[in-house]
Protein backbone atom coordinates (compact mmCIF):
# COMPACT_ATOMS: atom_id res chain seq x y z
CA UNK A 1 139.66 64.64 153.05
CA UNK A 2 140.99 61.32 152.09
CA UNK A 3 144.29 60.93 150.17
CA UNK A 4 142.82 61.15 146.79
CA UNK A 5 144.83 61.40 143.78
CA UNK A 6 145.62 65.11 143.02
CA UNK A 7 145.14 64.68 138.99
CA UNK A 8 143.03 62.35 137.00
CA UNK A 9 143.31 61.30 133.37
CA UNK A 10 140.42 60.73 131.41
CA UNK A 11 139.58 58.52 128.37
CA UNK A 12 137.06 59.74 126.45
CA UNK A 13 135.05 57.12 124.70
CA UNK A 14 132.23 59.10 123.36
CA UNK A 15 133.07 58.84 119.65
CA UNK A 16 133.38 55.21 119.62
CA UNK A 17 131.70 53.59 122.58
CA UNK A 18 128.87 56.32 122.62
CA UNK A 19 127.96 56.36 119.06
CA UNK A 20 128.23 52.92 118.01
CA UNK A 21 124.66 51.79 118.74
CA UNK A 22 123.14 55.17 117.16
CA UNK A 23 121.04 53.74 114.35
CA UNK A 24 120.92 57.05 112.33
CA UNK A 25 123.91 57.38 110.29
CA UNK A 26 125.97 60.28 111.79
CA UNK A 27 128.17 61.68 108.85
CA UNK A 28 131.93 61.60 109.00
CA UNK A 29 132.14 65.11 108.84
CA UNK A 30 130.11 65.42 112.08
CA UNK A 31 132.34 62.63 114.04
CA UNK A 32 135.38 64.78 113.10
CA UNK A 33 133.71 67.93 114.25
CA UNK A 34 132.47 66.32 117.60
CA UNK A 35 136.10 65.05 118.02
CA UNK A 36 137.74 68.56 117.59
CA UNK A 37 135.25 70.07 119.88
CA UNK A 38 136.37 67.39 122.61
CA UNK A 39 139.70 68.25 121.97
CA UNK A 40 139.04 72.10 122.25
CA UNK A 41 137.86 71.20 125.73
CA UNK A 42 141.33 69.97 126.81
CA UNK A 43 140.81 65.89 126.31
CA UNK A 44 144.22 64.50 125.59
CA UNK A 45 143.08 60.88 125.31
CA UNK A 46 140.09 60.26 122.79
CA UNK A 47 138.82 56.59 121.43
CA UNK A 48 137.58 57.74 118.19
CA UNK A 49 136.50 54.72 116.21
CA UNK A 50 136.57 50.71 115.94
CA UNK A 51 137.85 48.55 113.44
CA UNK A 52 134.96 45.91 113.74
CA UNK A 53 133.34 44.40 110.97
CA UNK A 54 131.06 47.10 109.09
CA UNK A 55 128.02 44.84 108.83
CA UNK A 56 128.24 44.29 112.90
CA UNK A 57 128.66 48.05 113.64
CA UNK A 58 127.57 50.26 110.64
CA UNK A 59 127.80 53.50 112.62
CA UNK A 60 131.61 52.77 112.67
CA UNK A 61 132.34 51.75 108.94
CA UNK A 62 134.01 54.87 108.22
CA UNK A 63 136.92 54.13 110.70
CA UNK A 64 139.37 54.73 108.09
CA UNK A 65 137.78 58.15 106.97
CA UNK A 66 137.82 59.46 110.30
CA UNK A 67 141.11 58.56 111.22
CA UNK A 68 142.48 60.04 107.96
CA UNK A 69 140.47 63.35 108.94
CA UNK A 70 141.93 63.81 112.46
CA UNK A 71 143.83 66.83 113.15
CA UNK A 72 146.82 66.21 115.44
CA UNK A 73 147.79 68.37 118.51
CA UNK A 74 151.04 67.90 120.86
CA UNK A 75 150.23 65.43 123.60
CA UNK A 76 146.92 64.20 122.26
CA UNK A 77 146.39 60.44 121.72
CA UNK A 78 143.97 58.90 119.54
CA UNK A 79 142.78 55.17 119.90
CA UNK A 80 140.73 52.68 118.30
CA UNK A 81 138.95 49.30 119.15
CA UNK A 82 140.43 46.47 117.23
CA UNK A 83 138.54 43.04 117.78
CA UNK A 84 140.64 40.54 115.73
CA UNK A 85 143.61 40.47 113.06
CA UNK A 86 141.77 41.80 110.23
CA UNK A 87 140.72 44.89 112.13
CA UNK A 88 144.32 45.17 113.34
CA UNK A 89 145.30 45.27 109.56
CA UNK A 90 143.13 47.96 109.01
CA UNK A 91 144.24 49.78 111.90
CA UNK A 92 147.82 49.59 110.78
CA UNK A 93 146.85 50.96 107.32
CA UNK A 94 144.97 53.89 108.84
CA UNK A 95 148.33 55.02 110.75
CA UNK A 96 146.61 54.93 114.23
CA UNK A 97 149.37 54.57 117.08
CA UNK A 98 146.97 53.38 119.86
CA UNK A 99 144.69 50.48 120.07
CA UNK A 100 142.36 48.68 122.27
CA UNK A 101 141.12 45.15 122.67
CA UNK A 102 138.48 43.69 124.67
CA UNK A 103 137.26 40.65 126.35
CA UNK A 104 134.99 40.02 129.64
CA UNK A 105 134.92 38.39 133.00
CA UNK A 106 131.79 36.40 132.01
CA UNK A 107 132.17 33.68 129.49
CA UNK A 108 128.51 34.01 128.35
CA UNK A 109 128.93 37.80 127.77
CA UNK A 110 131.89 37.24 125.67
CA UNK A 111 130.51 34.83 123.71
CA UNK A 112 127.66 37.03 122.73
CA UNK A 113 129.83 39.86 122.40
CA UNK A 114 132.89 38.62 120.23
CA UNK A 115 131.65 35.08 119.57
CA UNK A 116 134.94 33.50 121.56
CA UNK A 117 135.40 32.23 124.95
CA UNK A 118 137.50 34.08 127.23
CA UNK A 119 140.50 31.84 126.59
CA UNK A 120 140.22 32.22 122.80
CA UNK A 121 139.81 35.98 123.15
CA UNK A 122 142.97 36.15 125.09
CA UNK A 123 144.94 33.97 122.52
CA UNK A 124 143.70 36.41 119.65
CA UNK A 125 144.72 39.36 121.59
CA UNK A 126 148.24 37.83 122.01
CA UNK A 127 148.92 37.57 118.06
CA UNK A 128 147.10 40.89 117.77
CA UNK A 129 149.29 42.68 120.52
CA UNK A 130 152.74 40.98 119.21
CA UNK A 131 151.80 42.44 115.66
CA UNK A 132 150.95 45.88 116.95
CA UNK A 133 154.15 46.02 119.09
CA UNK A 134 156.46 45.34 115.82
CA UNK A 135 154.22 48.31 114.12
CA UNK A 136 154.97 50.59 117.10
CA UNK A 137 151.33 50.63 118.10
CA UNK A 138 150.69 50.66 121.93
CA UNK A 139 147.58 49.25 123.29
CA UNK A 140 145.28 49.06 126.25
CA UNK A 141 142.71 46.35 127.16
CA UNK A 142 138.97 46.12 128.29
CA UNK A 143 137.37 43.86 130.59
CA UNK A 144 133.76 43.95 130.40
CA UNK A 145 131.22 42.60 133.20
CA UNK A 146 133.84 42.82 135.90
CA UNK A 147 131.06 43.07 138.71
CA UNK A 148 127.61 41.80 137.35
CA UNK A 149 126.82 40.09 134.11
CA UNK A 150 123.32 40.33 132.75
CA UNK A 151 123.61 36.55 132.04
CA UNK A 152 125.74 35.03 134.34
CA UNK A 153 125.06 37.26 137.97
CA UNK A 154 127.75 38.07 140.03
CA UNK A 155 131.41 37.67 138.79
CA UNK A 156 134.26 36.55 140.97
CA UNK A 157 136.90 39.08 141.86
CA UNK A 158 139.62 36.21 141.40
CA UNK A 159 138.30 35.87 137.97
CA UNK A 160 138.96 39.53 137.00
CA UNK A 161 142.29 39.62 138.61
CA UNK A 162 143.38 36.46 136.31
CA UNK A 163 142.24 38.25 133.18
CA UNK A 164 143.96 41.47 134.13
CA UNK A 165 146.96 39.71 134.76
CA UNK A 166 147.14 37.79 131.67
CA UNK A 167 146.15 41.20 129.37
CA UNK A 168 149.27 42.84 130.96
CA UNK A 169 151.28 39.67 130.35
CA UNK A 170 150.51 39.66 126.58
CA UNK A 171 151.29 43.18 126.28
CA UNK A 172 148.46 45.97 127.11
CA UNK A 173 149.94 48.66 129.25
CA UNK A 174 146.49 49.53 130.87
CA UNK A 175 143.44 47.65 131.71
CA UNK A 176 140.03 49.34 132.09
CA UNK A 177 137.47 47.30 134.45
CA UNK A 178 133.94 48.02 133.47
CA UNK A 179 130.91 47.90 135.00
CA UNK A 180 129.03 47.09 131.94
CA UNK A 181 125.57 47.07 133.20
CA UNK A 182 126.06 49.77 135.77
CA UNK A 183 124.99 47.44 138.62
CA UNK A 184 128.05 47.78 140.93
CA UNK A 185 127.98 49.88 143.91
CA UNK A 186 130.92 51.18 146.03
CA UNK A 187 131.34 47.92 148.21
CA UNK A 188 131.73 46.14 144.82
CA UNK A 189 134.56 48.45 143.73
CA UNK A 190 136.42 47.97 146.99
CA UNK A 191 136.10 44.39 146.97
CA UNK A 192 136.95 43.69 143.33
CA UNK A 193 139.26 46.58 142.34
CA UNK A 194 140.87 46.29 145.77
CA UNK A 195 141.57 42.62 145.30
CA UNK A 196 143.38 43.43 141.77
CA UNK A 197 145.34 46.22 143.31
CA UNK A 198 146.81 43.67 145.93
CA UNK A 199 148.41 42.42 142.79
CA UNK A 200 148.59 44.94 139.88
CA UNK A 201 150.03 48.42 140.26
CA UNK A 202 147.29 51.22 140.14
CA UNK A 203 148.71 53.02 137.75
CA UNK A 204 147.94 50.02 135.06
CA UNK A 205 144.15 50.19 135.92
CA UNK A 206 141.26 52.42 134.61
CA UNK A 207 137.53 52.21 135.61
CA UNK A 208 134.67 52.24 133.10
CA UNK A 209 131.55 52.86 134.92
CA UNK A 210 127.65 52.92 133.36
CA UNK A 211 125.08 54.84 135.29
CA UNK A 212 122.03 52.56 134.78
CA UNK A 213 121.28 52.33 138.60
CA UNK A 214 122.96 55.87 139.55
CA UNK A 215 125.64 54.89 141.09
CA UNK A 216 128.62 55.65 138.52
CA UNK A 217 129.74 58.87 140.35
CA UNK A 218 129.72 56.90 143.83
CA UNK A 219 131.87 53.95 142.45
CA UNK A 220 134.35 56.87 141.04
CA UNK A 221 134.84 57.96 144.37
CA UNK A 222 135.51 54.43 145.37
CA UNK A 223 138.08 54.06 142.91
CA UNK A 224 139.55 57.36 143.87
CA UNK A 225 139.86 56.16 147.51
CA UNK A 226 141.71 53.11 146.05
CA UNK A 227 144.00 55.64 144.51
CA UNK A 228 142.89 54.99 140.98
CA UNK A 229 143.56 58.07 138.65
CA UNK A 230 142.38 57.01 135.18
CA UNK A 231 138.50 56.78 134.39
CA UNK A 232 136.92 56.21 131.05
CA UNK A 233 133.75 58.38 130.31
CA UNK A 234 131.40 59.59 127.43
CA UNK A 235 130.61 63.09 126.53
CA UNK A 236 127.07 63.53 127.16
CA UNK A 237 126.24 60.10 128.86
CA UNK A 238 126.36 58.59 125.44
CA UNK A 239 126.43 54.94 124.79
CA UNK A 240 125.15 51.72 125.86
CA UNK A 241 125.99 48.20 125.08
CA UNK A 242 123.80 45.89 122.65
CA UNK A 243 124.81 42.65 124.36
CA UNK A 244 123.86 44.05 127.95
CA UNK A 245 120.36 44.07 128.31
CA UNK A 246 118.98 47.19 130.34
CA UNK A 247 122.45 48.94 130.17
CA UNK A 248 122.05 52.76 129.97
CA UNK A 249 124.81 55.29 128.80
CA UNK A 250 128.45 55.58 130.02
CA UNK A 251 129.32 57.85 132.89
CA UNK A 252 128.94 61.35 131.38
CA UNK A 253 132.21 63.14 131.04
CA UNK A 254 130.58 66.45 132.26
CA UNK A 255 129.41 64.85 135.50
CA UNK A 256 132.79 62.96 136.21
CA UNK A 257 134.45 66.67 135.64
CA UNK A 258 131.84 68.43 138.07
CA UNK A 259 132.55 66.01 140.77
CA UNK A 260 136.45 65.90 140.32
CA UNK A 261 136.45 70.21 139.92
CA UNK A 262 134.37 70.11 143.43
CA UNK A 263 136.99 67.86 144.86
CA UNK A 264 139.89 69.95 143.65
CA UNK A 265 141.34 67.04 141.57
CA UNK A 266 143.08 68.12 138.39
CA UNK A 267 141.96 67.10 134.98
CA UNK A 268 143.03 69.81 132.47
CA UNK A 269 139.52 69.55 130.75
CA UNK A 270 137.06 72.42 130.58
CA UNK A 271 133.87 71.48 131.59
CA UNK A 272 131.71 73.93 129.64
CA UNK A 273 133.80 73.27 126.31
CA UNK A 274 132.97 69.57 126.71
CA UNK A 275 129.18 70.55 127.21
CA UNK A 276 129.43 72.52 124.14
CA UNK A 277 130.58 69.36 122.32
CA UNK A 278 127.74 67.25 123.73
CA UNK A 279 125.36 69.84 122.78
CA UNK A 280 126.73 69.69 119.15
CA UNK A 281 126.12 65.79 119.12
CA UNK A 282 122.73 66.57 120.85
CA UNK A 283 121.84 68.58 118.09
CA UNK A 284 122.63 66.05 115.38
CA UNK A 285 121.00 62.91 117.24
CA UNK A 286 118.01 65.44 117.90
CA UNK A 287 117.36 64.32 121.56
CA UNK A 288 118.63 65.08 124.98
CA UNK A 289 121.59 63.45 126.49
CA UNK A 290 121.35 62.15 129.90
CA UNK A 291 124.20 64.17 131.48
CA UNK A 292 123.01 65.98 134.33
CA UNK A 293 125.73 68.79 134.14
CA UNK A 294 125.07 69.21 130.33
CA UNK A 295 121.50 69.64 131.05
CA UNK A 296 122.16 72.09 133.92
CA UNK A 297 124.65 74.20 131.58
CA UNK A 298 122.08 74.39 128.83
CA UNK A 299 119.26 75.38 130.89
CA UNK A 300 121.47 78.27 132.08
CA UNK A 301 122.22 79.41 128.68
CA UNK A 302 118.73 79.01 127.66
């Protein structure tokens, strides 16, 4: 047995990243019920919504109402995505105390996703993070397309490191490195994340995998071998990316939990309870979600 971390922190992104591309409007009440069920499963870090322009992501236009309806519990951290200063103003008004900003390691992807160059996005984030700090709001940063871009192909590990360093320098406390189209293999994780860790402490890094090619859990194990102990996941495997053609859902929280449970790595999260939350959202969406463990658990119940 390798010297894996003894515990892992899971950042649940289902309520935001998972639901943002759903075409059928999900009510605020159903979103809040979904979040509360995730909380009941033991998750302590949940990204609940985004303050993007309502016309860009109509599904999340009720961000203010969602945050107003959240139930607060000891040790629980809710967060929301913030794309620009206007979004930050709305976040501050909502009372949220943790935000996330997002850029990419691909110029083309960044332009298509947020209509900025990487340099422009980082300059914008500096203003956002300075203002957030003055309002006692902490922040994490996302870097999309850290391994392969749907438009530019292979991404240089040096570029990922440079952007990670800049994000930490301007005020985020953690950087999530994303495999946005799910094309990475463990070899890519060892090379790129390993290169980042030569300069950046592993405690500052989270990994965010998609399962498009079925390699997400293998990539998690590679991350664990590198000493990473924070992973993003989405209940039921909800999600995708509108600016990444072919990108399927995020790594499912249930599948991540099964792996970690089998490896005797502590999470504090109950797999069965998370499956109940995903099954609730599955009933709202009226379709099966891709999580293998969710479907396994439901088949036993049925």
